[in-house]
C-alpha cells in the first residue's frame, strides 16, 4: 500500500466521521416543508457536511494517483469545486446534482465562512439546501472512495 492510499483511507474515515456527526445534528434541526432549516443554528450541520465532502473528494483523488503534496497546493486547499472537477470521470463520476450541490457549498467552505462569518457576511446568504440533498451528495462522494479491483 502506498502512502497516498493510506492517507486516502484516513481521509475517508474522517469524512465519514464528520458526516455521522452531521447526521446527529440534523435530527435536532427544525426544517420547513421541503427540508430547509428554518434557523441559523443549522450552520454547524453545513460546516460538518462541507468538511466531509472535502475529505471524501480528497480521498478519491488520492486513491487515483494524486499525492498529498498535490492536494496541499493552493488550488486544491479547501476547494470543493476544483476537487470535484478532478474527480474520476470513469465509473463513479460525479453527477450534475452533486456538482451543483458542491458548487453551492464551495464559496462558504473555501472562505471558512461557516466557521467564522456566515452570520455577518454582507450580501452573501448562507447556502442551506435541503439536508436530504446534502446527504445524497455525501453518499455519492463516498462511492468515489470505495475499494476497487480495477484500479479506478
Protein backbone atom coordinates (compact mmCIF):
# COMPACT_ATOMS: atom_id res chain seq x y z
CA UNK A 1 0.00 0.00 0.00
CA UNK A 2 1.39 3.40 -0.97
CA UNK A 3 1.36 6.44 1.28
CA UNK A 4 -1.37 8.01 -0.89
CA UNK A 5 -3.63 5.01 -0.39
CA UNK A 6 -3.02 5.07 3.35
CA UNK A 7 -3.83 8.78 3.51
CA UNK A 8 -6.90 8.19 1.29
CA UNK A 9 -8.26 5.72 3.84
CA UNK A 10 -7.58 8.14 6.71
CA UNK A 11 -9.40 10.92 4.87
CA UNK A 12 -12.29 8.55 4.13
CA UNK A 13 -12.67 7.58 7.79
CA UNK A 14 -12.54 11.21 8.90
CA UNK A 15 -15.01 12.22 6.19
CA UNK A 16 -17.47 9.58 7.36
CA UNK A 17 -16.98 10.70 10.96
CA UNK A 18 -17.86 14.30 10.07
CA UNK A 19 -20.84 13.00 8.07
CA UNK A 20 -22.08 10.94 11.02
CA UNK A 21 -21.80 13.99 13.25
CA UNK A 22 -23.84 15.98 10.71
CA UNK A 23 -26.49 13.23 10.79
CA UNK A 24 -26.68 13.51 14.56
CA UNK A 25 -27.11 17.28 14.38
CA UNK A 26 -29.73 17.02 11.64
CA UNK A 27 -32.09 15.18 13.99
CA UNK A 28 -32.45 18.32 16.12
CA UNK A 29 -32.69 20.93 13.36
CA UNK A 30 -36.07 22.47 12.60
CA UNK A 31 -36.86 22.40 8.86
CA UNK A 32 -39.60 23.71 6.61
CA UNK A 33 -41.81 21.59 4.35
CA UNK A 34 -39.04 20.88 1.84
CA UNK A 35 -36.32 20.15 4.40
CA UNK A 36 -34.59 23.52 4.53
CA UNK A 37 -33.53 24.60 8.03
CA UNK A 38 -35.52 27.45 9.49
CA UNK A 39 -32.83 28.72 11.90
CA UNK A 40 -29.19 29.71 11.73
CA UNK A 41 -28.44 27.05 14.32
CA UNK A 42 -28.11 24.73 11.29
CA UNK A 43 -24.77 26.31 10.31
CA UNK A 44 -22.71 23.66 12.17
CA UNK A 45 -24.51 20.97 10.14
CA UNK A 46 -23.37 22.59 6.88
CA UNK A 47 -19.84 23.03 8.20
CA UNK A 48 -19.63 19.32 9.06
CA UNK A 49 -21.16 18.27 5.73
CA UNK A 50 -18.86 20.56 3.73
CA UNK A 51 -15.79 19.27 5.50
CA UNK A 52 -16.95 15.69 4.99
CA UNK A 53 -17.32 16.44 1.26
CA UNK A 54 -13.78 17.88 1.13
CA UNK A 55 -12.31 14.83 2.84
CA UNK A 56 -14.20 12.35 0.65
CA UNK A 57 -13.18 14.17 -2.53
CA UNK A 58 -9.55 14.24 -1.44
CA UNK A 59 -9.73 10.55 -0.57
CA UNK A 60 -11.00 9.80 -4.09
CA UNK A 61 -8.22 11.87 -5.65
CA UNK A 62 -5.50 10.29 -3.52
CA UNK A 63 -6.76 6.86 -4.48
CA UNK A 64 -6.38 7.77 -8.14
CA UNK A 65 -2.79 9.00 -8.17
CA UNK A 66 -2.82 12.41 -6.54
CA UNK A 67 -0.20 12.88 -3.86
CA UNK A 68 -0.53 14.62 -0.53
CA UNK A 69 1.69 17.33 -1.97
CA UNK A 70 -0.71 17.79 -4.92
CA UNK A 71 -3.62 18.33 -2.54
CA UNK A 72 -1.71 20.87 -0.47
CA UNK A 73 -1.30 23.16 -3.48
CA UNK A 74 -3.19 26.41 -3.08
CA UNK A 75 -5.59 25.50 -5.91
CA UNK A 76 -6.86 22.44 -4.02
CA UNK A 77 -6.81 23.59 -0.41
CA UNK A 78 -10.44 23.70 0.71
CA UNK A 79 -11.61 23.95 -2.93
CA UNK A 80 -14.62 21.70 -3.30
CA UNK A 81 -15.16 22.80 -6.91
CA UNK A 82 -11.62 22.09 -8.09
CA UNK A 83 -11.57 18.69 -6.37
CA UNK A 84 -14.92 17.84 -7.96
CA UNK A 85 -13.66 18.82 -11.42
CA UNK A 86 -10.72 16.45 -10.96
CA UNK A 87 -12.84 13.64 -9.54
CA UNK A 88 -12.92 10.47 -11.61
CA UNK A 89 -14.76 10.59 -14.91
CA UNK A 90 -14.98 6.83 -15.38
CA UNK A 91 -17.12 4.54 -13.23
CA UNK A 92 -18.43 6.56 -10.36
CA UNK A 93 -18.23 10.00 -11.90
CA UNK A 94 -19.90 12.93 -10.18
CA UNK A 95 -23.48 13.64 -11.25
CA UNK A 96 -24.77 17.11 -12.16
CA UNK A 97 -26.85 17.19 -8.93
CA UNK A 98 -23.77 16.60 -6.79
CA UNK A 99 -21.73 19.05 -8.85
CA UNK A 100 -24.41 21.70 -8.25
CA UNK A 101 -24.51 20.96 -4.51
CA UNK A 102 -20.72 21.19 -4.28
CA UNK A 103 -20.78 24.46 -6.22
CA UNK A 104 -23.32 25.90 -3.78
CA UNK A 105 -21.22 24.92 -0.78
CA UNK A 106 -17.88 25.89 -2.31
CA UNK A 107 -17.63 29.63 -1.54
CA UNK A 108 -18.67 29.42 2.09
CA UNK A 109 -16.39 26.40 2.58
CA UNK A 110 -13.31 27.81 0.85
CA UNK A 111 -13.58 31.14 2.70
CA UNK A 112 -14.30 29.43 6.03
CA UNK A 113 -17.49 31.47 6.35
CA UNK A 114 -19.27 28.59 8.06
CA UNK A 115 -16.60 28.63 10.75
CA UNK A 116 -16.37 32.37 11.27
CA UNK A 117 -18.55 34.87 9.43
CA UNK A 118 -21.69 33.24 7.97
CA UNK A 119 -23.97 35.30 10.19
CA UNK A 120 -22.47 38.65 9.20
CA UNK A 121 -21.35 38.21 5.57
CA UNK A 122 -22.86 41.17 3.71
CA UNK A 123 -24.75 40.22 0.59
CA UNK A 124 -23.77 36.58 0.82
CA UNK A 125 -26.64 34.46 2.10
CA UNK A 126 -25.58 31.20 3.67
CA UNK A 127 -26.27 28.30 1.32
CA UNK A 128 -28.51 25.95 3.28
CA UNK A 129 -30.14 23.49 0.87
CA UNK A 130 -32.46 20.68 1.99
CA UNK A 131 -30.50 18.33 4.22
CA UNK A 132 -31.66 15.31 2.23
CA UNK A 133 -29.86 16.67 -0.83
CA UNK A 134 -26.70 17.17 1.22
CA UNK A 135 -26.85 13.55 2.37
CA UNK A 136 -27.37 12.38 -1.24
CA UNK A 137 -24.24 14.32 -2.25
CA UNK A 138 -22.21 12.72 0.52
CA UNK A 139 -23.46 9.24 -0.46
CA UNK A 140 -22.26 9.81 -4.00
CA UNK A 141 -18.88 11.15 -2.88
CA UNK A 142 -18.44 8.19 -0.55
CA UNK A 143 -18.90 5.86 -3.53
CA UNK A 144 -15.89 7.53 -5.20
CA UNK A 145 -13.71 6.34 -2.31
CA UNK A 146 -14.66 2.68 -2.40
CA UNK A 147 -12.13 -0.06 -2.90
CA UNK A 148 -11.73 -1.19 -6.48
CA UNK A 149 -10.02 -4.14 -8.08
CA UNK A 150 -9.96 -2.36 -11.46
CA UNK A 151 -7.61 0.41 -10.38
CA UNK A 152 -10.11 3.29 -10.52
